[in-house]
C-alpha atoms as a PDB file:
ATOM      1  CA  UNK A   1      -0.091   0.203   0.041  1.00  0.00           C
ATOM      2  CA  UNK A   2       1.016   3.598  -0.761  1.00  0.00           C
ATOM      3  CA  UNK A   3       0.371   6.377   1.540  1.00  0.00           C
ATOM      4  CA  UNK A   4      -3.011   7.950   2.609  1.00  0.00           C
ATOM      5  CA  UNK A   5      -3.581  11.171   3.891  1.00  0.00           C
ATOM      6  CA  UNK A   6      -5.451  12.111   7.200  1.00  0.00           C
ATOM      7  CA  UNK A   7      -8.650  13.054   5.550  1.00  0.00           C
ATOM      8  CA  UNK A   8      -8.923   9.892   3.602  1.00  0.00           C
ATOM      9  CA  UNK A   9      -8.063   7.627   6.537  1.00  0.00           C
ATOM     10  CA  UNK A  10     -10.791   9.604   8.412  1.00  0.00           C
ATOM     11  CA  UNK A  11     -13.448   9.141   5.777  1.00  0.00           C
ATOM     12  CA  UNK A  12     -12.424   5.160   5.363  1.00  0.00           C
ATOM     13  CA  UNK A  13     -13.027   4.851   9.197  1.00  0.00           C
ATOM     14  CA  UNK A  14     -16.371   6.844   8.830  1.00  0.00           C
ATOM     15  CA  UNK A  15     -17.423   4.379   6.285  1.00  0.00           C
ATOM     16  CA  UNK A  16     -16.536   1.278   8.111  1.00  0.00           C
ATOM     17  CA  UNK A  17     -17.865   2.661  11.474  1.00  0.00           C
ATOM     18  CA  UNK A  18     -21.009   4.218   9.943  1.00  0.00           C
ATOM     19  CA  UNK A  19     -20.115   7.169  12.103  1.00  0.00           C
ATOM     20  CA  UNK A  20     -22.157  10.249  12.376  1.00  0.00           C
ATOM     21  CA  UNK A  21     -19.450  12.508  13.628  1.00  0.00           C
ATOM     22  CA  UNK A  22     -18.208  15.486  11.393  1.00  0.00           C
ATOM     23  CA  UNK A  23     -14.638  16.554  10.498  1.00  0.00           C
ATOM     24  CA  UNK A  24     -13.326  20.015  11.818  1.00  0.00           C
ATOM     25  CA  UNK A  25     -10.125  21.317  10.530  1.00  0.00           C
ATOM     26  CA  UNK A  26      -7.751  22.790  12.915  1.00  0.00           C
ATOM     27  CA  UNK A  27      -4.240  24.514  12.588  1.00  0.00           C
ATOM     28  CA  UNK A  28      -1.434  22.130  12.671  1.00  0.00           C
ATOM     29  CA  UNK A  29       1.141  22.725  15.282  1.00  0.00           C
ATOM     30  CA  UNK A  30       4.220  24.186  13.949  1.00  0.00           C
ATOM     31  CA  UNK A  31       6.226  21.064  14.742  1.00  0.00           C
ATOM     32  CA  UNK A  32       3.767  18.626  13.177  1.00  0.00           C
ATOM     33  CA  UNK A  33       5.311  17.018   9.829  1.00  0.00           C
ATOM     34  CA  UNK A  34       3.240  17.917   6.832  1.00  0.00           C
ATOM     35  CA  UNK A  35       3.625  14.082   5.541  1.00  0.00           C
ATOM     36  CA  UNK A  36       4.143  11.190   7.320  1.00  0.00           C
ATOM     37  CA  UNK A  37       5.667   7.989   5.419  1.00  0.00           C
ATOM     38  CA  UNK A  38       7.235   5.416   7.633  1.00  0.00           C
ATOM     39  CA  UNK A  39      10.050   3.473   6.093  1.00  0.00           C
ATOM     40  CA  UNK A  40       9.522  -0.448   6.618  1.00  0.00           C
ATOM     41  CA  UNK A  41      12.835  -1.191   4.830  1.00  0.00           C
ATOM     42  CA  UNK A  42      14.786  -2.007   8.171  1.00  0.00           C
ATOM     43  CA  UNK A  43      12.085  -4.285   9.451  1.00  0.00           C
ATOM     44  CA  UNK A  44      11.993  -6.161   6.190  1.00  0.00           C
ATOM     45  CA  UNK A  45      15.704  -6.453   5.957  1.00  0.00           C
ATOM     46  CA  UNK A  46      16.552  -7.204   9.637  1.00  0.00           C
ATOM     47  CA  UNK A  47      13.601  -9.012  10.548  1.00  0.00           C
ATOM     48  CA  UNK A  48      11.841 -10.492   7.700  1.00  0.00           C
ATOM     49  CA  UNK A  49       8.816  -8.791   8.342  1.00  0.00           C
ATOM     50  CA  UNK A  50       6.257  -7.488   6.009  1.00  0.00           C
ATOM     51  CA  UNK A  51       2.613  -6.435   6.428  1.00  0.00           C
ATOM     52  CA  UNK A  52       0.145  -9.284   6.069  1.00  0.00           C
ATOM     53  CA  UNK A  53      -3.111  -7.504   5.820  1.00  0.00           C
ATOM     54  CA  UNK A  54      -4.329  -4.385   3.976  1.00  0.00           C
ATOM     55  CA  UNK A  55      -5.383  -1.132   5.593  1.00  0.00           C
ATOM     56  CA  UNK A  56      -8.995  -2.079   5.280  1.00  0.00           C
ATOM     57  CA  UNK A  57      -8.765  -5.288   6.984  1.00  0.00           C
ATOM     58  CA  UNK A  58      -6.523  -3.830   9.617  1.00  0.00           C
ATOM     59  CA  UNK A  59      -9.202  -1.275  10.279  1.00  0.00           C
ATOM     60  CA  UNK A  60     -11.756  -3.646  10.493  1.00  0.00           C
ATOM     61  CA  UNK A  61      -9.941  -5.754  13.083  1.00  0.00           C
ATOM     62  CA  UNK A  62      -8.966  -2.534  14.950  1.00  0.00           C
ATOM     63  CA  UNK A  63     -12.675  -1.165  15.107  1.00  0.00           C
ATOM     64  CA  UNK A  64     -13.991  -4.427  16.033  1.00  0.00           C
ATOM     65  CA  UNK A  65     -11.301  -4.569  19.075  1.00  0.00           C
ATOM     66  CA  UNK A  66     -12.049  -1.241  20.274  1.00  0.00           C
ATOM     67  CA  UNK A  67     -15.866  -1.665  19.936  1.00  0.00           C
ATOM     68  CA  UNK A  68     -15.517  -4.778  22.260  1.00  0.00           C
ATOM     69  CA  UNK A  69     -13.314  -3.127  24.758  1.00  0.00           C
ATOM     70  CA  UNK A  70     -14.701   0.464  24.702  1.00  0.00           C
ATOM     71  CA  UNK A  71     -17.051   2.084  27.098  1.00  0.00           C
ATOM     72  CA  UNK A  72     -19.644   3.053  24.210  1.00  0.00           C
ATOM     73  CA  UNK A  73     -20.852  -0.683  24.785  1.00  0.00           C
ATOM     74  CA  UNK A  74     -20.933  -0.408  28.522  1.00  0.00           C
ATOM     75  CA  UNK A  75     -23.491   2.537  28.455  1.00  0.00           C
ATOM     76  CA  UNK A  76     -26.391   0.312  27.493  1.00  0.00           C
ATOM     77  CA  UNK A  77     -25.904  -1.192  30.904  1.00  0.00           C
ATOM     78  CA  UNK A  78     -24.893   1.739  32.599  1.00  0.00           C
ATOM     79  CA  UNK A  79     -26.604   4.881  31.298  1.00  0.00           C
ATOM     80  CA  UNK A  80     -24.492   7.230  33.825  1.00  0.00           C
ATOM     81  CA  UNK A  81     -21.047   6.400  31.548  1.00  0.00           C
ATOM     82  CA  UNK A  82     -21.431   9.070  28.908  1.00  0.00           C
ATOM     83  CA  UNK A  83     -19.021   8.212  26.048  1.00  0.00           C
ATOM     84  CA  UNK A  84     -16.543  11.015  25.008  1.00  0.00           C
ATOM     85  CA  UNK A  85     -17.919  12.961  22.158  1.00  0.00           C
ATOM     86  CA  UNK A  86     -14.804  14.531  20.602  1.00  0.00           C
ATOM     87  CA  UNK A  87     -12.263  12.466  19.009  1.00  0.00           C
ATOM     88  CA  UNK A  88      -8.827  13.874  17.877  1.00  0.00           C
ATOM     89  CA  UNK A  89      -7.361  12.104  14.805  1.00  0.00           C
ATOM     90  CA  UNK A  90      -3.924  12.852  14.044  1.00  0.00           C
ATOM     91  CA  UNK A  91      -3.055  16.591  14.666  1.00  0.00           C
ATOM     92  CA  UNK A  92      -4.818  18.235  12.168  1.00  0.00           C
ATOM     93  CA  UNK A  93      -8.369  16.736  12.244  1.00  0.00           C
ATOM     94  CA  UNK A  94     -10.875  17.059  15.042  1.00  0.00           C
ATOM     95  CA  UNK A  95     -13.931  14.812  14.748  1.00  0.00           C
ATOM     96  CA  UNK A  96     -16.969  15.793  16.646  1.00  0.00           C
ATOM     97  CA  UNK A  97     -20.487  15.136  17.167  1.00  0.00           C
ATOM     98  CA  UNK A  98     -22.960  17.401  15.479  1.00  0.00           C
ATOM     99  CA  UNK A  99     -24.585  20.083  17.795  1.00  0.00           C
ATOM    100  CA  UNK A 100     -27.656  17.942  17.504  1.00  0.00           C
ATOM    101  CA  UNK A 101     -26.159  14.734  18.559  1.00  0.00           C
ATOM    102  CA  UNK A 102     -24.455  16.706  21.600  1.00  0.00           C
ATOM    103  CA  UNK A 103     -28.057  17.703  22.593  1.00  0.00           C
ATOM    104  CA  UNK A 104     -29.169  13.952  22.561  1.00  0.00           C
ATOM    105  CA  UNK A 105     -26.480  13.257  24.897  1.00  0.00           C
ATOM    106  CA  UNK A 106     -27.059  15.663  27.659  1.00  0.00           C
END
C-alpha cells in the first residue's frame, strides 16, 4: 500500500464505522510534519517482517477490538457512563459530534 492522507483515512474509518461525527479542521502545530511516511525497509531487511493484511482489514480488526473493549458498549448497561464525544485524529483533524448529537447526549 502507498500513502494515505489523514482526511482519506478519516473518511475510510467513517465508512467502516458508519459514524455520524463531523470533521473539523484545526491549525496544525508548527512542529507537526506535513507528511508521514514510515520506512519499513529496516524491519523487512533485519526481521523479515512485512505487512500481512491491507489497510481496510486492519481497520476492521482495530474497530472490532475497540468496540469490544470500549465504554461505548457499556453505556447500555450503565447509562451514567457518557462516552467521549470529541475524537482527535492526527493533529490536523478533530472529529466531533454534531450539535444535534451533543444535545441528545445531555
